[in-house]
Amino acid sequence: MTTLTVTEAKSHFLELIRNSDKRLERFLITKQGKPAAVVMNADEFGGWLETLEIMSDKKALKEIRKAKKELELGQTKSFKEVVGRAQRR
């Protein structure tokens, strides 16, 4: 992640937006030497929000941990076992 001052970010703002969108780069913006903001791709930000939502859901985390343990123990089922025969369109 590239760190820039507010002044630097201001003078290169369009370039930051382009690079975050096209190259998925992230930029930390500092104000008086302290972190103040982050510029990142909007889709990536949406993914972070979804992750935070899941991480704050105790029930979802419990299910994820259970599924991970089952996977590690080889307690898996095939698609066919779960839903039956494949559906035809």
C-alpha atoms as a PDB file:
ATOM      1  CA  MET A   1       0.000   0.000   0.000  1.00  0.00           C
ATOM      2  CA  THR A   2       1.328   3.391  -0.984  1.00  0.00           C
ATOM      3  CA  THR A   3       1.300   6.146   1.623  1.00  0.00           C
ATOM      4  CA  LEU A   4       0.697   9.751   0.597  1.00  0.00           C
ATOM      5  CA  THR A   5       0.105  13.001   2.422  1.00  0.00           C
ATOM      6  CA  VAL A   6      -3.215  14.779   1.994  1.00  0.00           C
ATOM      7  CA  THR A   7      -1.462  17.357  -0.201  1.00  0.00           C
ATOM      8  CA  GLU A   8       0.057  14.660  -2.434  1.00  0.00           C
ATOM      9  CA  ALA A   9      -3.272  12.828  -2.676  1.00  0.00           C
ATOM     10  CA  LYS A  10      -5.087  16.025  -3.549  1.00  0.00           C
ATOM     11  CA  SER A  11      -2.731  16.806  -6.419  1.00  0.00           C
ATOM     12  CA  HIS A  12      -2.908  13.224  -7.777  1.00  0.00           C
ATOM     13  CA  PHE A  13      -6.481  12.325  -6.883  1.00  0.00           C
ATOM     14  CA  LEU A  14      -7.653  11.273 -10.353  1.00  0.00           C
ATOM     15  CA  GLU A  15      -4.571   9.077 -10.745  1.00  0.00           C
ATOM     16  CA  LEU A  16      -5.280   7.443  -7.356  1.00  0.00           C
ATOM     17  CA  ILE A  17      -8.836   6.685  -8.414  1.00  0.00           C
ATOM     18  CA  ARG A  18      -7.694   5.216 -11.728  1.00  0.00           C
ATOM     19  CA  ASN A  19      -5.011   3.063 -10.101  1.00  0.00           C
ATOM     20  CA  SER A  20      -7.332   1.809  -7.384  1.00  0.00           C
ATOM     21  CA  ASP A  21      -9.907   0.890 -10.028  1.00  0.00           C
ATOM     22  CA  LYS A  22      -7.683  -0.578 -12.754  1.00  0.00           C
ATOM     23  CA  ARG A  23      -4.732  -1.964 -10.759  1.00  0.00           C
ATOM     24  CA  LEU A  24      -6.499  -2.633  -7.452  1.00  0.00           C
ATOM     25  CA  GLU A  25      -3.913  -0.499  -5.666  1.00  0.00           C
ATOM     26  CA  ARG A  26      -4.646   0.901  -2.197  1.00  0.00           C
ATOM     27  CA  PHE A  27      -3.476   4.247  -0.891  1.00  0.00           C
ATOM     28  CA  LEU A  28      -3.114   5.351   2.716  1.00  0.00           C
ATOM     29  CA  ILE A  29      -3.618   9.088   3.082  1.00  0.00           C
ATOM     30  CA  THR A  30      -1.944  10.767   6.050  1.00  0.00           C
ATOM     31  CA  LYS A  31      -2.698  14.078   7.699  1.00  0.00           C
ATOM     32  CA  GLN A  32       0.038  15.605   9.836  1.00  0.00           C
ATOM     33  CA  GLY A  33       1.868  12.265   9.723  1.00  0.00           C
ATOM     34  CA  LYS A  34      -1.067  10.190  10.993  1.00  0.00           C
ATOM     35  CA  PRO A  35      -3.293   7.817   8.978  1.00  0.00           C
ATOM     36  CA  ALA A  36      -6.492   9.631   7.985  1.00  0.00           C
ATOM     37  CA  ALA A  37      -8.089   7.761   5.065  1.00  0.00           C
ATOM     38  CA  VAL A  38      -7.724   4.940   2.564  1.00  0.00           C
ATOM     39  CA  VAL A  39      -8.476   4.999  -1.162  1.00  0.00           C
ATOM     40  CA  MET A  40      -9.377   1.607  -2.625  1.00  0.00           C
ATOM     41  CA  ASN A  41     -11.498   0.041  -5.341  1.00  0.00           C
ATOM     42  CA  ALA A  42     -15.240   0.214  -4.567  1.00  0.00           C
ATOM     43  CA  ASP A  43     -15.785  -3.516  -5.227  1.00  0.00           C
ATOM     44  CA  GLU A  44     -12.949  -4.398  -2.875  1.00  0.00           C
ATOM     45  CA  PHE A  45     -14.436  -2.085  -0.248  1.00  0.00           C
ATOM     46  CA  GLY A  46     -17.782  -3.846  -0.662  1.00  0.00           C
ATOM     47  CA  GLY A  47     -16.033  -7.159  -0.047  1.00  0.00           C
ATOM     48  CA  TRP A  48     -14.499  -5.779   3.155  1.00  0.00           C
ATOM     49  CA  LEU A  49     -17.944  -4.663   4.339  1.00  0.00           C
ATOM     50  CA  GLU A  50     -19.375  -8.128   3.677  1.00  0.00           C
ATOM     51  CA  THR A  51     -16.479  -9.719   5.559  1.00  0.00           C
ATOM     52  CA  LEU A  52     -17.030  -7.408   8.533  1.00  0.00           C
ATOM     53  CA  GLU A  53     -20.722  -8.288   8.533  1.00  0.00           C
ATOM     54  CA  ILE A  54     -19.959 -12.016   8.578  1.00  0.00           C
ATOM     55  CA  MET A  55     -17.270 -11.598  11.232  1.00  0.00           C
ATOM     56  CA  SER A  56     -19.740  -9.822  13.510  1.00  0.00           C
ATOM     57  CA  ASP A  57     -22.342 -12.602  13.141  1.00  0.00           C
ATOM     58  CA  LYS A  58     -21.572 -15.152  15.870  1.00  0.00           C
ATOM     59  CA  LYS A  59     -23.915 -17.753  14.400  1.00  0.00           C
ATOM     60  CA  ALA A  60     -22.348 -17.486  10.944  1.00  0.00           C
ATOM     61  CA  LEU A  61     -18.831 -17.769  12.400  1.00  0.00           C
ATOM     62  CA  LYS A  62     -19.851 -20.854  14.372  1.00  0.00           C
ATOM     63  CA  GLU A  63     -21.191 -22.474  11.178  1.00  0.00           C
ATOM     64  CA  ILE A  64     -18.049 -21.561   9.236  1.00  0.00           C
ATOM     65  CA  ARG A  65     -15.809 -23.081  11.932  1.00  0.00           C
ATOM     66  CA  LYS A  66     -17.977 -26.221  12.003  1.00  0.00           C
ATOM     67  CA  ALA A  67     -17.810 -26.570   8.212  1.00  0.00           C
ATOM     68  CA  LYS A  68     -14.047 -26.032   8.224  1.00  0.00           C
ATOM     69  CA  LYS A  69     -13.579 -28.760  10.832  1.00  0.00           C
ATOM     70  CA  GLU A  70     -15.813 -31.155   8.873  1.00  0.00           C
ATOM     71  CA  LEU A  71     -13.790 -30.445   5.739  1.00  0.00           C
ATOM     72  CA  GLU A  72     -10.507 -31.091   7.574  1.00  0.00           C
ATOM     73  CA  LEU A  73     -11.915 -34.403   8.841  1.00  0.00           C
ATOM     74  CA  GLY A  74     -12.996 -35.367   5.333  1.00  0.00           C
ATOM     75  CA  GLN A  75     -16.665 -35.277   6.282  1.00  0.00           C
ATOM     76  CA  THR A  76     -17.877 -34.048   2.907  1.00  0.00           C
ATOM     77  CA  LYS A  77     -20.696 -34.923   0.526  1.00  0.00           C
ATOM     78  CA  SER A  78     -20.889 -34.682  -3.222  1.00  0.00           C
ATOM     79  CA  PHE A  79     -23.262 -32.328  -4.997  1.00  0.00           C
ATOM     80  CA  LYS A  80     -25.345 -35.320  -6.030  1.00  0.00           C
ATOM     81  CA  GLU A  81     -25.608 -36.530  -2.419  1.00  0.00           C
ATOM     82  CA  VAL A  82     -26.794 -33.095  -1.267  1.00  0.00           C
ATOM     83  CA  VAL A  83     -29.325 -32.208  -3.969  1.00  0.00           C
ATOM     84  CA  GLY A  84     -30.024 -35.515  -5.660  1.00  0.00           C
ATOM     85  CA  ARG A  85     -29.693 -35.915  -9.367  1.00  0.00           C
ATOM     86  CA  ALA A  86     -28.634 -32.912 -11.408  1.00  0.00           C
ATOM     87  CA  GLN A  87     -31.479 -30.678 -12.513  1.00  0.00           C
ATOM     88  CA  ARG A  88     -32.009 -30.353 -16.254  1.00  0.00           C
ATOM     89  CA  ARG A  89     -33.050 -27.071 -17.781  1.00  0.00           C
END
